[in-house]
PDB file of N, CA and C in Angstrom:
ATOM      1  N   UNK A   1       9.226   6.386  24.024  1.00  0.00           N
ATOM      2  CA  UNK A   1       9.589   5.864  22.726  1.00  0.00           C
ATOM      3  C   UNK A   1       9.658   6.764  21.585  1.00  0.00           C
ATOM      4  N   UNK A   2      10.691   6.716  20.794  1.00  0.00           N
ATOM      5  CA  UNK A   2      10.851   7.564  19.684  1.00  0.00           C
ATOM      6  C   UNK A   2       9.824   7.013  18.545  1.00  0.00           C
ATOM      7  N   UNK A   3       9.255   7.874  17.901  1.00  0.00           N
ATOM      8  CA  UNK A   3       8.288   7.527  16.903  1.00  0.00           C
ATOM      9  C   UNK A   3       8.863   7.509  15.453  1.00  0.00           C
ATOM     10  N   UNK A   4       8.618   6.545  14.600  1.00  0.00           N
ATOM     11  CA  UNK A   4       9.207   6.636  13.304  1.00  0.00           C
ATOM     12  C   UNK A   4       8.695   7.740  12.576  1.00  0.00           C
ATOM     13  N   UNK A   5       9.485   8.219  11.543  1.00  0.00           N
ATOM     14  CA  UNK A   5       8.964   9.112  10.471  1.00  0.00           C
ATOM     15  C   UNK A   5       8.338   8.404   9.495  1.00  0.00           C
ATOM     16  N   UNK A   6       7.001   8.539   9.224  1.00  0.00           N
ATOM     17  CA  UNK A   6       6.214   7.802   8.301  1.00  0.00           C
ATOM     18  C   UNK A   6       5.767   8.773   7.327  1.00  0.00           C
ATOM     19  N   UNK A   7       6.009   8.541   6.080  1.00  0.00           N
ATOM     20  CA  UNK A   7       5.645   9.382   4.853  1.00  0.00           C
ATOM     21  C   UNK A   7       4.709   8.382   3.809  1.00  0.00           C
ATOM     22  N   UNK A   8       3.412   8.859   3.847  1.00  0.00           N
ATOM     23  CA  UNK A   8       2.496   7.857   3.107  1.00  0.00           C
ATOM     24  C   UNK A   8       2.021   8.897   1.947  1.00  0.00           C
ATOM     25  N   UNK A   9       1.914   8.156   0.670  1.00  0.00           N
ATOM     26  CA  UNK A   9       1.375   8.977  -0.424  1.00  0.00           C
ATOM     27  C   UNK A   9       0.537   7.793  -1.075  1.00  0.00           C
ATOM     28  N   UNK A  10      -0.868   8.298  -1.465  1.00  0.00           N
ATOM     29  CA  UNK A  10      -1.686   7.222  -2.061  1.00  0.00           C
ATOM     30  C   UNK A  10      -2.235   8.173  -3.059  1.00  0.00           C
ATOM     31  N   UNK A  11      -2.323   7.518  -4.397  1.00  0.00           N
ATOM     32  CA  UNK A  11      -3.102   8.121  -5.470  1.00  0.00           C
ATOM     33  C   UNK A  11      -3.940   7.058  -6.092  1.00  0.00           C
ATOM     34  N   UNK A  12      -5.221   7.568  -6.567  1.00  0.00           N
ATOM     35  CA  UNK A  12      -6.101   6.653  -7.018  1.00  0.00           C
ATOM     36  C   UNK A  12      -6.831   7.546  -8.196  1.00  0.00           C
ATOM     37  N   UNK A  13      -7.309   6.558  -9.131  1.00  0.00           N
ATOM     38  CA  UNK A  13      -8.082   7.172 -10.304  1.00  0.00           C
ATOM     39  C   UNK A  13      -8.917   6.113 -10.867  1.00  0.00           C
ATOM     40  N   UNK A  14     -10.160   6.489 -11.250  1.00  0.00           N
ATOM     41  CA  UNK A  14     -11.161   5.694 -11.853  1.00  0.00           C
ATOM     42  C   UNK A  14     -11.650   6.202 -13.155  1.00  0.00           C
ATOM     43  N   UNK A  15     -11.911   5.355 -14.077  1.00  0.00           N
ATOM     44  CA  UNK A  15     -12.631   5.791 -15.278  1.00  0.00           C
ATOM     45  C   UNK A  15     -13.778   4.835 -15.498  1.00  0.00           C
ATOM     46  N   UNK A  16     -14.946   5.211 -15.759  1.00  0.00           N
ATOM     47  CA  UNK A  16     -16.048   4.411 -15.960  1.00  0.00           C
ATOM     48  C   UNK A  16     -16.855   4.808 -17.234  1.00  0.00           C
ATOM     49  N   UNK A  17     -17.611   3.990 -17.758  1.00  0.00           N
ATOM     50  CA  UNK A  17     -18.356   4.278 -18.831  1.00  0.00           C
ATOM     51  C   UNK A  17     -19.662   3.335 -18.903  1.00  0.00           C
ATOM     52  N   UNK A  18     -20.724   3.728 -19.043  1.00  0.00           N
ATOM     53  CA  UNK A  18     -21.972   2.879 -19.169  1.00  0.00           C
ATOM     54  C   UNK A  18     -22.414   3.135 -20.401  1.00  0.00           C
ATOM     55  N   UNK A  19     -22.894   1.926 -21.180  1.00  0.00           N
ATOM     56  CA  UNK A  19     -23.448   2.102 -22.555  1.00  0.00           C
ATOM     57  C   UNK A  19     -24.791   1.317 -22.647  1.00  0.00           C
ATOM     58  N   UNK A  20     -25.810   2.080 -23.178  1.00  0.00           N
ATOM     59  CA  UNK A  20     -27.019   1.452 -23.253  1.00  0.00           C
ATOM     60  C   UNK A  20     -27.297   1.045 -24.785  1.00  0.00           C
ATOM     61  N   UNK A  21     -27.314  -0.452 -24.833  1.00  0.00           N
ATOM     62  CA  UNK A  21     -27.389  -1.035 -26.350  1.00  0.00           C
ATOM     63  C   UNK A  21     -28.796  -1.042 -26.829  1.00  0.00           C
ATOM     64  N   UNK A  22     -29.864  -0.993 -25.910  1.00  0.00           N
ATOM     65  CA  UNK A  22     -31.076  -0.804 -26.309  1.00  0.00           C
ATOM     66  C   UNK A  22     -32.039  -0.739 -25.028  1.00  0.00           C
ATOM     67  N   UNK A  23     -33.366  -0.946 -25.120  1.00  0.00           N
ATOM     68  CA  UNK A  23     -34.171  -0.830 -24.010  1.00  0.00           C
ATOM     69  C   UNK A  23     -33.845  -1.982 -22.897  1.00  0.00           C
ATOM     70  N   UNK A  24     -33.316  -2.990 -23.423  1.00  0.00           N
ATOM     71  CA  UNK A  24     -33.104  -4.218 -22.426  1.00  0.00           C
ATOM     72  C   UNK A  24     -31.634  -4.556 -22.109  1.00  0.00           C
ATOM     73  N   UNK A  25     -30.729  -3.878 -22.672  1.00  0.00           N
ATOM     74  CA  UNK A  25     -29.217  -4.404 -22.448  1.00  0.00           C
ATOM     75  C   UNK A  25     -28.459  -3.022 -22.061  1.00  0.00           C
ATOM     76  N   UNK A  26     -27.708  -3.249 -21.098  1.00  0.00           N
ATOM     77  CA  UNK A  26     -26.692  -2.179 -20.546  1.00  0.00           C
ATOM     78  C   UNK A  26     -25.285  -2.808 -20.165  1.00  0.00           C
ATOM     79  N   UNK A  27     -24.404  -2.120 -20.591  1.00  0.00           N
ATOM     80  CA  UNK A  27     -23.004  -2.535 -20.320  1.00  0.00           C
ATOM     81  C   UNK A  27     -22.282  -1.443 -19.527  1.00  0.00           C
ATOM     82  N   UNK A  28     -21.599  -1.860 -18.345  1.00  0.00           N
ATOM     83  CA  UNK A  28     -20.827  -0.920 -17.715  1.00  0.00           C
ATOM     84  C   UNK A  28     -19.425  -1.477 -17.670  1.00  0.00           C
ATOM     85  N   UNK A  29     -18.417  -0.357 -17.829  1.00  0.00           N
ATOM     86  CA  UNK A  29     -17.041  -0.707 -17.972  1.00  0.00           C
ATOM     87  C   UNK A  29     -16.431   0.255 -16.893  1.00  0.00           C
ATOM     88  N   UNK A  30     -15.397  -0.420 -16.097  1.00  0.00           N
ATOM     89  CA  UNK A  30     -14.609   0.393 -15.062  1.00  0.00           C
ATOM     90  C   UNK A  30     -13.112   0.027 -15.217  1.00  0.00           C
ATOM     91  N   UNK A  31     -12.259   1.106 -15.142  1.00  0.00           N
ATOM     92  CA  UNK A  31     -10.816   0.903 -14.970  1.00  0.00           C
ATOM     93  C   UNK A  31     -10.274   1.659 -13.785  1.00  0.00           C
ATOM     94  N   UNK A  32      -9.562   1.083 -13.082  1.00  0.00           N
ATOM     95  CA  UNK A  32      -9.139   1.719 -11.803  1.00  0.00           C
ATOM     96  C   UNK A  32      -7.523   1.547 -11.653  1.00  0.00           C
ATOM     97  N   UNK A  33      -7.006   2.646 -11.136  1.00  0.00           N
ATOM     98  CA  UNK A  33      -5.417   2.616 -10.859  1.00  0.00           C
ATOM     99  C   UNK A  33      -5.226   3.081  -9.424  1.00  0.00           C
ATOM    100  N   UNK A  34      -4.519   2.372  -8.658  1.00  0.00           N
ATOM    101  CA  UNK A  34      -4.103   2.633  -7.292  1.00  0.00           C
ATOM    102  C   UNK A  34      -2.621   2.625  -7.101  1.00  0.00           C
ATOM    103  N   UNK A  35      -2.042   3.682  -6.644  1.00  0.00           N
ATOM    104  CA  UNK A  35      -0.514   3.746  -6.237  1.00  0.00           C
ATOM    105  C   UNK A  35      -0.368   4.290  -4.914  1.00  0.00           C
ATOM    106  N   UNK A  36       0.551   3.480  -4.219  1.00  0.00           N
ATOM    107  CA  UNK A  36       0.918   3.848  -2.894  1.00  0.00           C
ATOM    108  C   UNK A  36       2.357   3.911  -2.745  1.00  0.00           C
ATOM    109  N   UNK A  37       2.947   4.730  -1.943  1.00  0.00           N
ATOM    110  CA  UNK A  37       4.380   4.777  -1.467  1.00  0.00           C
ATOM    111  C   UNK A  37       4.215   5.011   0.050  1.00  0.00           C
ATOM    112  N   UNK A  38       4.835   4.027   0.799  1.00  0.00           N
ATOM    113  CA  UNK A  38       4.852   4.206   2.149  1.00  0.00           C
ATOM    114  C   UNK A  38       6.358   4.010   2.646  1.00  0.00           C
ATOM    115  N   UNK A  39       6.789   5.162   3.149  1.00  0.00           N
ATOM    116  CA  UNK A  39       8.360   5.240   3.549  1.00  0.00           C
ATOM    117  C   UNK A  39       8.296   5.326   5.033  1.00  0.00           C
ATOM    118  N   UNK A  40       9.015   4.326   5.753  1.00  0.00           N
ATOM    119  CA  UNK A  40       9.211   4.506   7.197  1.00  0.00           C
ATOM    120  C   UNK A  40      10.673   4.696   7.541  1.00  0.00           C
ATOM    121  N   UNK A  41      10.975   5.716   8.373  1.00  0.00           N
ATOM    122  CA  UNK A  41      12.220   5.857   8.805  1.00  0.00           C
ATOM    123  C   UNK A  41      12.236   6.162  10.319  1.00  0.00           C
ATOM    124  N   UNK A  42      13.315   6.036  10.977  1.00  0.00           N
ATOM    125  CA  UNK A  42      13.436   6.410  12.459  1.00  0.00           C
ATOM    126  C   UNK A  42      14.390   7.508  12.583  1.00  0.00           C
ATOM    127  N   UNK A  43      14.314   8.220  13.667  1.00  0.00           N
ATOM    128  CA  UNK A  43      15.132   9.390  13.972  1.00  0.00           C
ATOM    129  C   UNK A  43      16.557   8.793  14.213  1.00  0.00           C
ATOM    130  N   UNK A  44      17.478   9.532  13.754  1.00  0.00           N
ATOM    131  CA  UNK A  44      18.981   9.198  13.970  1.00  0.00           C
ATOM    132  C   UNK A  44      19.363   9.176  15.433  1.00  0.00           C
ATOM    133  N   UNK A  45      19.810   8.188  16.020  1.00  0.00           N
ATOM    134  CA  UNK A  45      20.169   7.993  17.238  1.00  0.00           C
ATOM    135  C   UNK A  45      21.700   7.959  17.447  1.00  0.00           C
ATOM    136  N   UNK A  46      22.205   7.141  18.328  1.00  0.00           N
ATOM    137  CA  UNK A  46      23.681   6.864  18.319  1.00  0.00           C
ATOM    138  C   UNK A  46      23.831   5.392  18.187  1.00  0.00           C
ATOM    139  N   UNK A  47      25.078   5.105  17.872  1.00  0.00           N
ATOM    140  CA  UNK A  47      25.322   3.651  17.820  1.00  0.00           C
ATOM    141  C   UNK A  47      26.649   3.359  18.645  1.00  0.00           C
ATOM    142  N   UNK A  48      27.043   2.088  18.863  1.00  0.00           N
ATOM    143  CA  UNK A  48      28.126   1.714  19.822  1.00  0.00           C
ATOM    144  C   UNK A  48      29.299   2.485  19.375  1.00  0.00           C
ATOM    145  N   UNK A  49      29.566   2.651  18.073  1.00  0.00           N
ATOM    146  CA  UNK A  49      30.917   3.332  17.851  1.00  0.00           C
ATOM    147  C   UNK A  49      30.967   4.757  18.230  1.00  0.00           C
ATOM    148  N   UNK A  50      29.835   5.462  18.355  1.00  0.00           N
ATOM    149  CA  UNK A  50      29.540   6.867  18.776  1.00  0.00           C
ATOM    150  C   UNK A  50      30.060   6.922  20.370  1.00  0.00           C
ATOM    151  N   UNK A  51      29.762   5.882  21.048  1.00  0.00           N
ATOM    152  CA  UNK A  51      30.040   5.846  22.420  1.00  0.00           C
ATOM    153  C   UNK A  51      31.610   5.241  22.673  1.00  0.00           C
ATOM    154  N   UNK A  52      32.223   4.908  21.633  1.00  0.00           N
ATOM    155  CA  UNK A  52      33.564   4.366  21.696  1.00  0.00           C
ATOM    156  C   UNK A  52      33.666   2.915  21.772  1.00  0.00           C
ATOM    157  N   UNK A  53      32.581   2.195  21.642  1.00  0.00           N
ATOM    158  CA  UNK A  53      32.568   0.725  21.788  1.00  0.00           C
ATOM    159  C   UNK A  53      33.108   0.115  20.295  1.00  0.00           C
ATOM    160  N   UNK A  54      34.152  -0.694  20.311  1.00  0.00           N
ATOM    161  CA  UNK A  54      34.545  -1.247  19.018  1.00  0.00           C
ATOM    162  C   UNK A  54      33.688  -2.381  18.690  1.00  0.00           C
ATOM    163  N   UNK A  55      32.599  -1.948  17.760  1.00  0.00           N
ATOM    164  CA  UNK A  55      31.581  -2.917  17.494  1.00  0.00           C
ATOM    165  C   UNK A  55      31.374  -2.738  15.991  1.00  0.00           C
ATOM    166  N   UNK A  56      30.983  -3.786  15.261  1.00  0.00           N
ATOM    167  CA  UNK A  56      30.611  -3.786  13.898  1.00  0.00           C
ATOM    168  C   UNK A  56      29.213  -3.238  13.837  1.00  0.00           C
ATOM    169  N   UNK A  57      28.843  -2.195  13.229  1.00  0.00           N
ATOM    170  CA  UNK A  57      27.576  -1.509  13.118  1.00  0.00           C
ATOM    171  C   UNK A  57      27.082  -1.710  11.748  1.00  0.00           C
ATOM    172  N   UNK A  58      25.900  -2.429  11.635  1.00  0.00           N
ATOM    173  CA  UNK A  58      25.260  -2.636  10.263  1.00  0.00           C
ATOM    174  C   UNK A  58      24.408  -1.535   9.718  1.00  0.00           C
ATOM    175  N   UNK A  59      23.771  -0.801  10.743  1.00  0.00           N
ATOM    176  CA  UNK A  59      22.993   0.277  10.345  1.00  0.00           C
ATOM    177  C   UNK A  59      23.374   1.419  11.170  1.00  0.00           C
ATOM    178  N   UNK A  60      24.394   2.348  10.671  1.00  0.00           N
ATOM    179  CA  UNK A  60      24.958   3.381  11.478  1.00  0.00           C
ATOM    180  C   UNK A  60      23.874   4.518  11.881  1.00  0.00           C
ATOM    181  N   UNK A  61      23.828   4.830  13.131  1.00  0.00           N
ATOM    182  CA  UNK A  61      22.961   5.844  13.695  1.00  0.00           C
ATOM    183  C   UNK A  61      21.648   5.275  14.187  1.00  0.00           C
ATOM    184  N   UNK A  62      21.462   3.989  14.158  1.00  0.00           N
ATOM    185  CA  UNK A  62      20.227   3.319  14.755  1.00  0.00           C
ATOM    186  C   UNK A  62      20.783   2.224  15.705  1.00  0.00           C
ATOM    187  N   UNK A  63      20.508   2.391  16.879  1.00  0.00           N
ATOM    188  CA  UNK A  63      20.747   1.529  17.945  1.00  0.00           C
ATOM    189  C   UNK A  63      19.411   1.523  18.883  1.00  0.00           C
ATOM    190  N   UNK A  64      19.084   0.240  19.124  1.00  0.00           N
ATOM    191  CA  UNK A  64      17.845   0.182  19.783  1.00  0.00           C
ATOM    192  C   UNK A  64      18.311  -0.269  21.368  1.00  0.00           C
ATOM    193  N   UNK A  65      17.829   0.509  22.348  1.00  0.00           N
ATOM    194  CA  UNK A  65      18.286   0.278  23.572  1.00  0.00           C
ATOM    195  C   UNK A  65      16.926   0.110  24.349  1.00  0.00           C
ATOM    196  N   UNK A  66      16.764  -1.093  25.123  1.00  0.00           N
ATOM    197  CA  UNK A  66      15.621  -1.443  25.833  1.00  0.00           C
ATOM    198  C   UNK A  66      16.087  -1.634  27.207  1.00  0.00           C
ATOM    199  N   UNK A  67      15.448  -0.961  28.199  1.00  0.00           N
ATOM    200  CA  UNK A  67      15.510  -1.192  29.683  1.00  0.00           C
ATOM    201  C   UNK A  67      13.979  -1.290  30.084  1.00  0.00           C
ATOM    202  N   UNK A  68      13.681  -2.747  30.124  1.00  0.00           N
ATOM    203  CA  UNK A  68      12.365  -3.054  30.470  1.00  0.00           C
ATOM    204  C   UNK A  68      12.159  -3.074  31.876  1.00  0.00           C
ATOM    205  N   UNK A  69      11.100  -2.678  32.336  1.00  0.00           N
ATOM    206  CA  UNK A  69       9.884  -2.065  31.730  1.00  0.00           C
ATOM    207  C   UNK A  69       9.916  -0.584  31.672  1.00  0.00           C
ATOM    208  N   UNK A  70      11.204  -0.063  31.918  1.00  0.00           N
ATOM    209  CA  UNK A  70      11.230   1.491  32.001  1.00  0.00           C
ATOM    210  C   UNK A  70      11.077   2.169  30.487  1.00  0.00           C
ATOM    211  N   UNK A  71      12.022   2.008  29.477  1.00  0.00           N
ATOM    212  CA  UNK A  71      11.872   2.879  28.393  1.00  0.00           C
ATOM    213  C   UNK A  71      12.540   1.924  27.284  1.00  0.00           C
ATOM    214  N   UNK A  72      12.177   2.534  26.058  1.00  0.00           N
ATOM    215  CA  UNK A  72      12.947   2.029  24.774  1.00  0.00           C
ATOM    216  C   UNK A  72      13.363   3.276  24.141  1.00  0.00           C
ATOM    217  N   UNK A  73      14.388   3.102  23.380  1.00  0.00           N
ATOM    218  CA  UNK A  73      15.137   4.193  22.545  1.00  0.00           C
ATOM    219  C   UNK A  73      14.465   4.324  21.241  1.00  0.00           C
ATOM    220  N   UNK A  74      13.843   3.298  20.781  1.00  0.00           N
ATOM    221  CA  UNK A  74      13.320   3.434  19.316  1.00  0.00           C
ATOM    222  C   UNK A  74      12.030   2.414  19.441  1.00  0.00           C
ATOM    223  N   UNK A  75      11.506   2.556  18.177  1.00  0.00           N
ATOM    224  CA  UNK A  75      10.281   1.619  17.826  1.00  0.00           C
ATOM    225  C   UNK A  75      10.784   0.238  17.565  1.00  0.00           C
ATOM    226  N   UNK A  76      10.680  -0.639  18.393  1.00  0.00           N
ATOM    227  CA  UNK A  76      11.164  -2.020  18.030  1.00  0.00           C
ATOM    228  C   UNK A  76      10.365  -2.961  17.111  1.00  0.00           C
ATOM    229  N   UNK A  77       9.127  -2.373  16.722  1.00  0.00           N
ATOM    230  CA  UNK A  77       8.298  -3.251  15.890  1.00  0.00           C
ATOM    231  C   UNK A  77       8.126  -2.467  14.584  1.00  0.00           C
ATOM    232  N   UNK A  78       8.860  -1.318  14.351  1.00  0.00           N
ATOM    233  CA  UNK A  78       8.761  -0.567  13.217  1.00  0.00           C
ATOM    234  C   UNK A  78       9.895  -1.177  12.191  1.00  0.00           C
ATOM    235  N   UNK A  79       9.385  -1.684  11.072  1.00  0.00           N
ATOM    236  CA  UNK A  79      10.327  -2.126  10.115  1.00  0.00           C
ATOM    237  C   UNK A  79      10.777  -0.988   9.236  1.00  0.00           C
ATOM    238  N   UNK A  80      12.089  -0.422   9.254  1.00  0.00           N
ATOM    239  CA  UNK A  80      12.454   0.756   8.374  1.00  0.00           C
ATOM    240  C   UNK A  80      12.481   0.254   6.819  1.00  0.00           C
ATOM    241  N   UNK A  81      12.101   1.136   6.022  1.00  0.00           N
ATOM    242  CA  UNK A  81      12.289   0.806   4.624  1.00  0.00           C
ATOM    243  C   UNK A  81      11.047   1.511   3.903  1.00  0.00           C
ATOM    244  N   UNK A  82      10.939   1.158   2.549  1.00  0.00           N
ATOM    245  CA  UNK A  82       9.839   1.745   1.893  1.00  0.00           C
ATOM    246  C   UNK A  82       9.112   0.689   0.996  1.00  0.00           C
ATOM    247  N   UNK A  83       7.915   0.684   0.785  1.00  0.00           N
ATOM    248  CA  UNK A  83       7.030  -0.133   0.015  1.00  0.00           C
ATOM    249  C   UNK A  83       6.230   0.678  -1.021  1.00  0.00           C
ATOM    250  N   UNK A  84       6.418   0.323  -2.273  1.00  0.00           N
ATOM    251  CA  UNK A  84       5.723   0.961  -3.297  1.00  0.00           C
ATOM    252  C   UNK A  84       4.808  -0.104  -3.843  1.00  0.00           C
ATOM    253  N   UNK A  85       3.429   0.302  -4.001  1.00  0.00           N
ATOM    254  CA  UNK A  85       2.554  -0.629  -4.622  1.00  0.00           C
ATOM    255  C   UNK A  85       1.731  -0.063  -5.851  1.00  0.00           C
ATOM    256  N   UNK A  86       1.458  -0.701  -6.799  1.00  0.00           N
ATOM    257  CA  UNK A  86       0.699  -0.327  -7.736  1.00  0.00           C
ATOM    258  C   UNK A  86      -0.455  -1.406  -8.258  1.00  0.00           C
ATOM    259  N   UNK A  87      -1.578  -0.956  -8.259  1.00  0.00           N
ATOM    260  CA  UNK A  87      -2.784  -1.906  -8.539  1.00  0.00           C
ATOM    261  C   UNK A  87      -3.662  -1.467  -9.641  1.00  0.00           C
ATOM    262  N   UNK A  88      -3.721  -2.366 -10.644  1.00  0.00           N
ATOM    263  CA  UNK A  88      -4.572  -2.083 -11.765  1.00  0.00           C
ATOM    264  C   UNK A  88      -5.863  -3.035 -11.656  1.00  0.00           C
ATOM    265  N   UNK A  89      -7.111  -2.552 -12.081  1.00  0.00           N
ATOM    266  CA  UNK A  89      -8.278  -3.323 -12.200  1.00  0.00           C
ATOM    267  C   UNK A  89      -9.173  -2.898 -13.384  1.00  0.00           C
ATOM    268  N   UNK A  90      -9.641  -3.924 -13.972  1.00  0.00           N
ATOM    269  CA  UNK A  90     -10.559  -3.698 -15.149  1.00  0.00           C
ATOM    270  C   UNK A  90     -11.781  -4.466 -14.710  1.00  0.00           C
ATOM    271  N   UNK A  91     -12.929  -4.088 -15.029  1.00  0.00           N
ATOM    272  CA  UNK A  91     -14.250  -4.778 -14.886  1.00  0.00           C
ATOM    273  C   UNK A  91     -15.217  -4.382 -15.977  1.00  0.00           C
ATOM    274  N   UNK A  92     -15.997  -5.396 -16.139  1.00  0.00           N
ATOM    275  CA  UNK A  92     -17.078  -5.204 -17.288  1.00  0.00           C
ATOM    276  C   UNK A  92     -18.246  -5.882 -16.883  1.00  0.00           C
ATOM    277  N   UNK A  93     -19.415  -5.278 -16.800  1.00  0.00           N
ATOM    278  CA  UNK A  93     -20.695  -5.883 -16.458  1.00  0.00           C
ATOM    279  C   UNK A  93     -21.801  -5.739 -17.536  1.00  0.00           C
ATOM    280  N   UNK A  94     -22.501  -6.647 -17.793  1.00  0.00           N
ATOM    281  CA  UNK A  94     -23.485  -6.667 -18.787  1.00  0.00           C
ATOM    282  C   UNK A  94     -24.779  -7.300 -18.220  1.00  0.00           C
ATOM    283  N   UNK A  95     -25.816  -6.360 -18.366  1.00  0.00           N
ATOM    284  CA  UNK A  95     -27.163  -6.704 -17.833  1.00  0.00           C
ATOM    285  C   UNK A  95     -28.281  -6.689 -18.945  1.00  0.00           C
ATOM    286  N   UNK A  96     -28.987  -7.757 -18.945  1.00  0.00           N
ATOM    287  CA  UNK A  96     -29.966  -7.978 -20.021  1.00  0.00           C
ATOM    288  C   UNK A  96     -31.132  -8.322 -19.379  1.00  0.00           C
ATOM    289  N   UNK A  97     -32.278  -7.848 -19.910  1.00  0.00           N
ATOM    290  CA  UNK A  97     -33.707  -8.253 -19.572  1.00  0.00           C
ATOM    291  C   UNK A  97     -34.336  -8.847 -20.772  1.00  0.00           C
ATOM    292  N   UNK A  98     -34.681 -10.197 -20.553  1.00  0.00           N
ATOM    293  CA  UNK A  98     -35.347 -10.971 -21.567  1.00  0.00           C
ATOM    294  C   UNK A  98     -36.617 -11.549 -20.965  1.00  0.00           C
ATOM    295  N   UNK A  99     -37.780 -10.903 -21.343  1.00  0.00           N
ATOM    296  CA  UNK A  99     -39.003 -11.240 -20.848  1.00  0.00           C
ATOM    297  C   UNK A  99     -39.191 -11.025 -19.380  1.00  0.00           C
ATOM    298  N   UNK A 100     -39.373 -11.998 -18.659  1.00  0.00           N
ATOM    299  CA  UNK A 100     -39.501 -11.670 -17.063  1.00  0.00           C
ATOM    300  C   UNK A 100     -38.179 -12.002 -16.397  1.00  0.00           C
ATOM    301  N   UNK A 101     -37.184 -12.215 -17.002  1.00  0.00           N
ATOM    302  CA  UNK A 101     -35.823 -12.561 -16.534  1.00  0.00           C
ATOM    303  C   UNK A 101     -34.795 -11.376 -16.605  1.00  0.00           C
ATOM    304  N   UNK A 102     -33.955 -11.247 -15.661  1.00  0.00           N
ATOM    305  CA  UNK A 102     -32.779 -10.482 -15.723  1.00  0.00           C
ATOM    306  C   UNK A 102     -31.354 -11.156 -15.661  1.00  0.00           C
ATOM    307  N   UNK A 103     -30.772 -11.068 -16.648  1.00  0.00           N
ATOM    308  CA  UNK A 103     -29.400 -11.752 -16.790  1.00  0.00           C
ATOM    309  C   UNK A 103     -28.283 -10.798 -16.507  1.00  0.00           C
ATOM    310  N   UNK A 104     -27.497 -11.103 -15.635  1.00  0.00           N
ATOM    311  CA  UNK A 104     -26.175 -10.379 -15.396  1.00  0.00           C
ATOM    312  C   UNK A 104     -24.992 -11.172 -15.398  1.00  0.00           C
ATOM    313  N   UNK A 105     -23.986 -10.552 -16.233  1.00  0.00           N
ATOM    314  CA  UNK A 105     -22.658 -11.381 -16.425  1.00  0.00           C
ATOM    315  C   UNK A 105     -21.578 -10.102 -16.133  1.00  0.00           C
ATOM    316  N   UNK A 106     -20.598 -10.636 -15.327  1.00  0.00           N
ATOM    317  CA  UNK A 106     -19.501  -9.723 -15.036  1.00  0.00           C
ATOM    318  C   UNK A 106     -18.079 -10.450 -15.063  1.00  0.00           C
ATOM    319  N   UNK A 107     -17.255  -9.568 -15.428  1.00  0.00           N
ATOM    320  CA  UNK A 107     -15.815 -10.135 -15.447  1.00  0.00           C
ATOM    321  C   UNK A 107     -14.915  -8.973 -14.838  1.00  0.00           C
ATOM    322  N   UNK A 108     -13.853  -9.464 -13.949  1.00  0.00           N
ATOM    323  CA  UNK A 108     -12.978  -8.411 -13.313  1.00  0.00           C
ATOM    324  C   UNK A 108     -11.669  -8.987 -13.477  1.00  0.00           C
ATOM    325  N   UNK A 109     -10.754  -8.261 -13.678  1.00  0.00           N
ATOM    326  CA  UNK A 109      -9.254  -8.471 -13.846  1.00  0.00           C
ATOM    327  C   UNK A 109      -8.559  -7.592 -12.963  1.00  0.00           C
ATOM    328  N   UNK A 110      -7.549  -8.191 -12.268  1.00  0.00           N
ATOM    329  CA  UNK A 110      -6.760  -7.452 -11.247  1.00  0.00           C
ATOM    330  C   UNK A 110      -5.208  -7.801 -11.244  1.00  0.00           C
ATOM    331  N   UNK A 111      -4.388  -6.814 -11.326  1.00  0.00           N
ATOM    332  CA  UNK A 111      -2.954  -6.995 -11.258  1.00  0.00           C
ATOM    333  C   UNK A 111      -2.249  -6.100 -10.289  1.00  0.00           C
ATOM    334  N   UNK A 112      -1.322  -6.545  -9.674  1.00  0.00           N
ATOM    335  CA  UNK A 112      -0.623  -5.617  -8.773  1.00  0.00           C
ATOM    336  C   UNK A 112       0.856  -5.889  -8.800  1.00  0.00           C
ATOM    337  N   UNK A 113       1.534  -4.869  -8.350  1.00  0.00           N
ATOM    338  CA  UNK A 113       2.949  -4.897  -8.265  1.00  0.00           C
ATOM    339  C   UNK A 113       3.447  -4.386  -6.967  1.00  0.00           C
ATOM    340  N   UNK A 114       4.306  -4.980  -6.177  1.00  0.00           N
ATOM    341  CA  UNK A 114       4.776  -4.600  -4.851  1.00  0.00           C
ATOM    342  C   UNK A 114       6.233  -4.553  -4.997  1.00  0.00           C
ATOM    343  N   UNK A 115       6.716  -3.458  -4.497  1.00  0.00           N
ATOM    344  CA  UNK A 115       8.336  -3.305  -4.611  1.00  0.00           C
ATOM    345  C   UNK A 115       8.724  -2.905  -3.164  1.00  0.00           C
ATOM    346  N   UNK A 116       9.250  -3.746  -2.282  1.00  0.00           N
ATOM    347  CA  UNK A 116       9.757  -3.266  -0.969  1.00  0.00           C
ATOM    348  C   UNK A 116      11.187  -2.940  -1.041  1.00  0.00           C
ATOM    349  N   UNK A 117      11.825  -2.015  -0.446  1.00  0.00           N
ATOM    350  CA  UNK A 117      13.076  -1.692  -0.300  1.00  0.00           C
ATOM    351  C   UNK A 117      13.516  -1.658   1.112  1.00  0.00           C
TER     352      UNK A 117
END
């Protein structure tokens, strides 16, 4: 079975800051950015027009031939294309000690963008 050409790129960055307001109060802030690009392609093969068959070819150079259970000419479960994702995350945590109690409050925000081709 022919394997697809897979090109993966992932980039990640984090910024964090912890601030102490006093002996009993701490604030922690984090910002995160993740980007990925996953590109899947398959090796060029033949198509029916290459063999002289008068056939409408929607994706030139890509023909899947299956002779089961003997062989396959290409990966039948591999979707060709590219997917680009970007994820942003912001979080803030506040921790306070009051007497014999510890109080923790946290907020998180997440946004993402997915672009398939």
